[in-house]
Amino acid sequence: MCSSDLIDELWSEFVRLHQKRRESLGQAGCFSDPRFGIFLRHAAERMAAVQACWMGVLWASQEPVGINLSFCSGNSLGMYQTGMEMDRIELEPGHLMNYFVIGAAIERGLERFDFLRGDEPYKEGWGAERRVLYRSRLFAPHLMARVRQSQIGRATRLNSSHTVISYAVFCLKKK
């Protein structure tokens, strides 16, 4: 679990590590758009207020080498985002953070750990199962809603990736 104070303490380092990781992969990183950072921080603070936000930090030589942000919903914990120090990649901070956050979820009696969207190879190594989800849009039964629906439907057909999202899910069982 985390608090607003912990979010305040870790946020800038979390953003820095996330951006550093994405840029090492040749990607812009989601925090390159400041609006996303504002949105996510606000969401994390609201989730922390209802004890549904987890932030974990992995330390080496008194320096953070990895930070993750996860959200809890019911009996499931979803790892939303991570950042790691690429200069310390030999420590495998991603795997270590997964180990500790999955262990914490098990200790708290959660039944599922969800790596969320994407089919990166490391997820399968953790016993994740691929899930296919479908996006649905509901519209009111009046004329303007139907017009909007037809416009959105055209945009969706142009980019079929909007209709199917894959999830990797790791189920937790206490023995």
Protein backbone atom coordinates (compact mmCIF):
# COMPACT_ATOMS: atom_id res chain seq x y z
CA MET A 1 0.00 0.00 0.00
CA CYS A 2 1.10 3.57 -0.36
CA SER A 3 0.10 6.96 0.89
CA SER A 4 0.06 10.43 -0.63
CA ASP A 5 3.27 11.12 1.29
CA LEU A 6 5.00 8.13 -0.32
CA ILE A 7 3.76 9.20 -3.75
CA ASP A 8 5.16 12.70 -3.11
CA GLU A 9 8.49 11.21 -2.05
CA LEU A 10 8.87 8.78 -4.96
CA TRP A 11 7.07 10.38 -7.89
CA SER A 12 9.86 12.33 -9.60
CA GLU A 13 12.25 9.38 -9.32
CA PHE A 14 9.56 7.00 -10.59
CA VAL A 15 9.01 9.22 -13.65
CA ARG A 16 12.77 9.57 -14.24
CA LEU A 17 13.36 5.81 -14.08
CA HIS A 18 10.37 5.03 -16.29
CA GLN A 19 11.46 7.55 -18.92
CA LYS A 20 15.05 6.30 -18.78
CA ARG A 21 13.91 2.72 -19.44
CA ARG A 22 11.61 3.67 -22.33
CA GLU A 23 14.23 5.93 -23.92
CA SER A 24 16.78 3.08 -23.73
CA LEU A 25 14.34 1.12 -25.92
CA GLY A 26 14.06 4.00 -28.39
CA GLN A 27 10.58 4.99 -27.21
CA ALA A 28 9.32 8.37 -26.02
CA GLY A 29 7.80 7.07 -22.78
CA CYS A 30 4.34 8.03 -21.60
CA PHE A 31 5.59 10.83 -19.34
CA SER A 32 6.88 12.70 -22.40
CA ASP A 33 3.36 14.12 -22.48
CA PRO A 34 3.00 16.12 -19.23
CA ARG A 35 -0.78 15.62 -19.27
CA PHE A 36 -0.29 11.90 -18.71
CA GLY A 37 1.92 12.51 -15.68
CA ILE A 38 -0.69 14.82 -14.16
CA PHE A 39 -3.45 12.29 -14.84
CA LEU A 40 -1.55 9.29 -13.45
CA ARG A 41 -0.38 11.08 -10.32
CA HIS A 42 -3.92 12.25 -9.59
CA ALA A 43 -5.23 8.70 -10.16
CA ALA A 44 -2.52 7.22 -7.90
CA GLU A 45 -3.36 9.69 -5.13
CA ARG A 46 -7.07 8.91 -5.38
CA MET A 47 -6.38 5.17 -5.35
CA ALA A 48 -4.04 5.60 -2.37
CA ALA A 49 -6.86 7.34 -0.49
CA VAL A 50 -8.89 4.10 -0.71
CA GLN A 51 -5.85 1.86 -0.09
CA ALA A 52 -5.80 0.56 -3.68
CA CYS A 53 -2.40 1.92 -4.79
CA TRP A 54 0.89 0.12 -4.26
CA MET A 55 4.34 1.58 -4.93
CA GLY A 56 7.41 -0.54 -4.41
CA VAL A 57 11.05 0.55 -4.46
CA LEU A 58 14.07 -1.64 -5.05
CA TRP A 59 17.27 -0.24 -3.51
CA ALA A 60 20.93 -1.02 -4.23
CA SER A 61 23.79 0.89 -2.60
CA GLN A 62 21.29 3.32 -1.07
CA GLU A 63 19.99 4.29 -4.54
CA PRO A 64 16.61 3.34 -6.06
CA VAL A 65 17.17 1.01 -9.00
CA GLY A 66 13.51 0.23 -9.62
CA ILE A 67 10.10 1.58 -8.73
CA ASN A 68 6.75 0.06 -9.63
CA LEU A 69 3.19 1.30 -9.45
CA SER A 70 0.36 -1.18 -9.06
CA PHE A 71 -3.36 -0.88 -8.47
CA CYS A 72 -5.55 -3.24 -6.47
CA SER A 73 -9.10 -4.11 -7.44
CA GLY A 74 -10.98 -6.74 -5.51
CA ASN A 75 -8.77 -9.83 -5.23
CA SER A 76 -6.46 -8.74 -8.05
CA LEU A 77 -3.34 -6.59 -8.22
CA GLY A 78 -2.35 -5.11 -11.58
CA MET A 79 1.18 -3.87 -12.16
CA TYR A 80 0.50 -0.67 -14.03
CA GLN A 81 3.93 0.79 -14.61
CA THR A 82 7.57 0.41 -13.68
CA GLY A 83 10.81 2.25 -14.04
CA MET A 84 14.31 0.91 -13.62
CA GLU A 85 17.86 2.16 -13.55
CA MET A 86 19.41 1.00 -16.80
CA ASP A 87 22.91 1.49 -15.40
CA ARG A 88 22.14 -1.33 -12.92
CA ILE A 89 20.35 -3.70 -15.29
CA GLU A 90 22.74 -6.51 -14.31
CA LEU A 91 20.80 -6.68 -11.01
CA GLU A 92 17.64 -7.53 -13.00
CA PRO A 93 15.51 -4.97 -11.16
CA GLY A 94 12.39 -5.88 -13.15
CA HIS A 95 12.46 -9.51 -12.04
CA LEU A 96 13.26 -8.57 -8.46
CA MET A 97 10.37 -6.09 -8.31
CA ASN A 98 8.03 -8.75 -9.72
CA TYR A 99 9.24 -11.23 -7.09
CA PHE A 100 8.60 -8.85 -4.21
CA VAL A 101 5.27 -7.45 -5.39
CA ILE A 102 3.88 -10.91 -6.16
CA GLY A 103 5.06 -12.08 -2.74
CA ALA A 104 3.37 -9.10 -1.06
CA ALA A 105 0.15 -9.86 -2.97
CA ILE A 106 0.23 -13.47 -1.79
CA GLU A 107 0.86 -12.39 1.82
CA ARG A 108 -2.21 -10.15 1.65
CA GLY A 109 -4.36 -13.00 0.32
CA LEU A 110 -4.88 -11.68 -3.19
CA GLU A 111 -5.82 -14.29 -5.79
CA ARG A 112 -4.49 -12.76 -8.98
CA PHE A 113 -1.51 -10.74 -10.14
CA ASP A 114 -2.04 -9.15 -13.51
CA PHE A 115 0.88 -7.94 -15.63
CA LEU A 116 -1.74 -6.09 -17.69
CA ARG A 117 -1.57 -5.34 -21.41
CA GLY A 118 1.20 -6.58 -23.65
CA ASP A 119 2.79 -9.89 -24.50
CA GLU A 120 6.38 -9.28 -23.45
CA PRO A 121 8.31 -12.57 -23.10
CA TYR A 122 9.15 -12.12 -19.40
CA LYS A 123 5.47 -12.47 -18.47
CA GLU A 124 5.29 -16.06 -19.66
CA GLY A 125 8.39 -16.84 -17.62
CA TRP A 126 6.44 -15.84 -14.50
CA GLY A 127 3.65 -18.30 -15.32
CA ALA A 128 1.36 -15.72 -16.85
CA GLU A 129 -1.56 -16.84 -18.96
CA ARG A 130 -2.55 -14.86 -22.03
CA ARG A 131 -6.06 -13.43 -21.96
CA VAL A 132 -7.87 -11.82 -24.86
CA LEU A 133 -10.29 -9.00 -24.05
CA TYR A 134 -12.73 -7.19 -26.27
CA ARG A 135 -13.58 -3.52 -26.07
CA SER A 136 -17.26 -2.60 -26.23
CA ARG A 137 -18.80 0.83 -26.58
CA LEU A 138 -22.32 1.55 -25.40
CA PHE A 139 -24.38 4.39 -26.79
CA ALA A 140 -27.69 5.96 -25.81
CA PRO A 141 -30.60 5.08 -28.13
CA HIS A 142 -31.07 8.57 -29.62
CA LEU A 143 -30.07 10.09 -32.96
CA MET A 144 -26.94 12.04 -31.92
CA ALA A 145 -25.53 9.02 -30.10
CA ARG A 146 -26.05 6.89 -33.22
CA VAL A 147 -24.25 9.49 -35.34
CA ARG A 148 -21.30 9.45 -32.89
CA GLN A 149 -21.36 5.65 -32.88
CA SER A 150 -21.07 5.50 -36.67
CA GLN A 151 -18.13 7.94 -36.63
CA ILE A 152 -16.30 6.01 -33.89
CA GLY A 153 -17.04 2.74 -35.67
CA ARG A 154 -15.27 4.00 -38.79
CA ALA A 155 -12.20 5.05 -36.77
CA THR A 156 -12.09 1.68 -35.01
CA ARG A 157 -12.19 -0.23 -38.27
CA LEU A 158 -9.18 1.72 -39.50
CA ASN A 159 -7.16 0.52 -36.52
CA SER A 160 -8.20 -2.97 -35.48
CA SER A 161 -5.84 -2.95 -32.46
CA HIS A 162 -8.57 -1.04 -30.62
CA THR A 163 -10.86 -4.06 -30.56
CA VAL A 164 -8.64 -6.73 -29.01
CA ILE A 165 -6.23 -6.32 -26.12
CA SER A 166 -4.14 -9.13 -24.72
CA TYR A 167 -3.59 -9.52 -21.01
CA ALA A 168 -1.14 -11.69 -19.16
CA VAL A 169 -2.43 -12.93 -15.83
CA PHE A 170 -0.63 -14.78 -13.06
CA CYS A 171 -2.92 -16.52 -10.59
CA LEU A 172 -1.77 -16.67 -7.00
CA LYS A 173 -2.48 -19.60 -4.74
CA LYS A 174 -1.50 -19.96 -1.10
CA LYS A 175 -0.26 -23.44 -0.29
